[in-house]
Amino acid sequence: MKNSVGEHVRDLRNTKNVLISLLIGSLTGAAIMLLFAPQSGRQTRAQIYQRSIQLRDRTQMDRVSPALEAGKTAVKAA
């Protein structure tokens, strides 16, 4: 149990260093991604918008279809 406080402080410093390194790496990766993007920001935003609409519609259908089937089954059983 010697140096348990010292070891704890050292662990916190290591954790802090790892988190700072991850943040710097993420920011660097994002900057490089923007520099080497194959299309303009306007095109990228439009593509993200279209894909989000497709995902929303698909998700809604995944939720609505089972509810419709359950409703049809309930009506037939009544």
C-alpha atoms as a PDB file:
ATOM      1  CA  MET A   1       0.000   0.000   0.000  1.00  0.00           C
ATOM      2  CA  LYS A   2       2.980   2.309  -0.179  1.00  0.00           C
ATOM      3  CA  ASN A   3       2.537   5.248  -2.512  1.00  0.00           C
ATOM      4  CA  SER A   4      -1.148   4.517  -3.093  1.00  0.00           C
ATOM      5  CA  VAL A   5      -1.835   8.252  -3.292  1.00  0.00           C
ATOM      6  CA  GLY A   6       1.161   8.705  -5.577  1.00  0.00           C
ATOM      7  CA  GLU A   7      -0.005   5.864  -7.804  1.00  0.00           C
ATOM      8  CA  HIS A   8      -3.496   7.359  -7.945  1.00  0.00           C
ATOM      9  CA  VAL A   9      -2.100  10.739  -9.002  1.00  0.00           C
ATOM     10  CA  ARG A  10       0.054   9.054 -11.644  1.00  0.00           C
ATOM     11  CA  ASP A  11      -2.995   7.155 -12.958  1.00  0.00           C
ATOM     12  CA  LEU A  12      -4.965  10.401 -13.207  1.00  0.00           C
ATOM     13  CA  ARG A  13      -2.118  12.028 -15.126  1.00  0.00           C
ATOM     14  CA  ASN A  14      -1.950   9.073 -17.498  1.00  0.00           C
ATOM     15  CA  THR A  15      -5.708   9.218 -18.056  1.00  0.00           C
ATOM     16  CA  LYS A  16      -5.529  12.953 -18.684  1.00  0.00           C
ATOM     17  CA  ASN A  17      -2.699  12.460 -21.178  1.00  0.00           C
ATOM     18  CA  VAL A  18      -4.629   9.760 -23.013  1.00  0.00           C
ATOM     19  CA  LEU A  19      -7.756  11.930 -23.246  1.00  0.00           C
ATOM     20  CA  ILE A  20      -5.764  14.920 -24.502  1.00  0.00           C
ATOM     21  CA  SER A  21      -4.055  12.710 -27.073  1.00  0.00           C
ATOM     22  CA  LEU A  22      -7.409  11.352 -28.272  1.00  0.00           C
ATOM     23  CA  LEU A  23      -8.801  14.871 -28.594  1.00  0.00           C
ATOM     24  CA  ILE A  24      -5.784  16.092 -30.565  1.00  0.00           C
ATOM     25  CA  GLY A  25      -5.903  13.016 -32.796  1.00  0.00           C
ATOM     26  CA  SER A  26      -9.614  13.476 -33.455  1.00  0.00           C
ATOM     27  CA  LEU A  27      -9.199  17.134 -34.353  1.00  0.00           C
ATOM     28  CA  THR A  28      -6.253  16.334 -36.617  1.00  0.00           C
ATOM     29  CA  GLY A  29      -8.225  13.592 -38.358  1.00  0.00           C
ATOM     30  CA  ALA A  30     -11.193  15.905 -38.876  1.00  0.00           C
ATOM     31  CA  ALA A  31      -8.943  18.600 -40.352  1.00  0.00           C
ATOM     32  CA  ILE A  32      -7.289  16.134 -42.730  1.00  0.00           C
ATOM     33  CA  MET A  33     -10.683  14.779 -43.742  1.00  0.00           C
ATOM     34  CA  LEU A  34     -11.862  18.271 -44.654  1.00  0.00           C
ATOM     35  CA  LEU A  35      -8.706  18.984 -46.651  1.00  0.00           C
ATOM     36  CA  PHE A  36      -8.987  15.801 -48.698  1.00  0.00           C
ATOM     37  CA  ALA A  37     -12.777  15.729 -49.112  1.00  0.00           C
ATOM     38  CA  PRO A  38     -13.705  14.563 -52.628  1.00  0.00           C
ATOM     39  CA  GLN A  39     -16.628  16.990 -52.925  1.00  0.00           C
ATOM     40  CA  SER A  40     -17.700  20.425 -51.746  1.00  0.00           C
ATOM     41  CA  GLY A  41     -19.315  21.082 -48.402  1.00  0.00           C
ATOM     42  CA  ARG A  42     -22.606  21.950 -50.092  1.00  0.00           C
ATOM     43  CA  GLN A  43     -22.673  18.579 -51.859  1.00  0.00           C
ATOM     44  CA  THR A  44     -21.730  16.760 -48.659  1.00  0.00           C
ATOM     45  CA  ARG A  45     -24.491  18.491 -46.691  1.00  0.00           C
ATOM     46  CA  ALA A  46     -27.027  17.657 -49.411  1.00  0.00           C
ATOM     47  CA  GLN A  47     -25.921  14.029 -49.375  1.00  0.00           C
ATOM     48  CA  ILE A  48     -26.177  13.849 -45.572  1.00  0.00           C
ATOM     49  CA  TYR A  49     -29.630  15.428 -45.741  1.00  0.00           C
ATOM     50  CA  GLN A  50     -30.882  12.950 -48.360  1.00  0.00           C
ATOM     51  CA  ARG A  51     -29.509   9.951 -46.477  1.00  0.00           C
ATOM     52  CA  SER A  52     -31.027  11.154 -43.212  1.00  0.00           C
ATOM     53  CA  ILE A  53     -34.437  11.409 -44.905  1.00  0.00           C
ATOM     54  CA  GLN A  54     -34.026   7.883 -46.296  1.00  0.00           C
ATOM     55  CA  LEU A  55     -33.053   6.567 -42.869  1.00  0.00           C
ATOM     56  CA  ARG A  56     -35.986   8.362 -41.226  1.00  0.00           C
ATOM     57  CA  ASP A  57     -38.442   6.932 -43.744  1.00  0.00           C
ATOM     58  CA  ARG A  58     -37.034   3.426 -43.414  1.00  0.00           C
ATOM     59  CA  THR A  59     -37.138   3.641 -39.617  1.00  0.00           C
ATOM     60  CA  GLN A  60     -40.740   4.842 -39.667  1.00  0.00           C
ATOM     61  CA  MET A  61     -41.734   1.997 -41.961  1.00  0.00           C
ATOM     62  CA  ASP A  62     -39.996  -0.500 -39.688  1.00  0.00           C
ATOM     63  CA  ARG A  63     -42.116   0.764 -36.807  1.00  0.00           C
ATOM     64  CA  VAL A  64     -45.363   1.293 -38.717  1.00  0.00           C
ATOM     65  CA  SER A  65     -45.455  -2.027 -40.579  1.00  0.00           C
ATOM     66  CA  PRO A  66     -45.640  -4.230 -37.450  1.00  0.00           C
ATOM     67  CA  ALA A  67     -48.332  -1.950 -36.008  1.00  0.00           C
ATOM     68  CA  LEU A  68     -50.373  -2.202 -39.210  1.00  0.00           C
ATOM     69  CA  GLU A  69     -50.071  -5.982 -39.220  1.00  0.00           C
ATOM     70  CA  ALA A  70     -51.145  -6.137 -35.579  1.00  0.00           C
ATOM     71  CA  GLY A  71     -54.132  -3.932 -36.374  1.00  0.00           C
ATOM     72  CA  LYS A  72     -55.141  -6.098 -39.351  1.00  0.00           C
ATOM     73  CA  THR A  73     -54.858  -9.216 -37.212  1.00  0.00           C
ATOM     74  CA  ALA A  74     -56.988  -7.644 -34.472  1.00  0.00           C
ATOM     75  CA  VAL A  75     -59.672  -6.622 -36.986  1.00  0.00           C
ATOM     76  CA  LYS A  76     -59.777 -10.109 -38.516  1.00  0.00           C
ATOM     77  CA  ALA A  77     -60.035 -11.718 -35.082  1.00  0.00           C
ATOM     78  CA  ALA A  78     -62.944  -9.477 -34.032  1.00  0.00           C
END
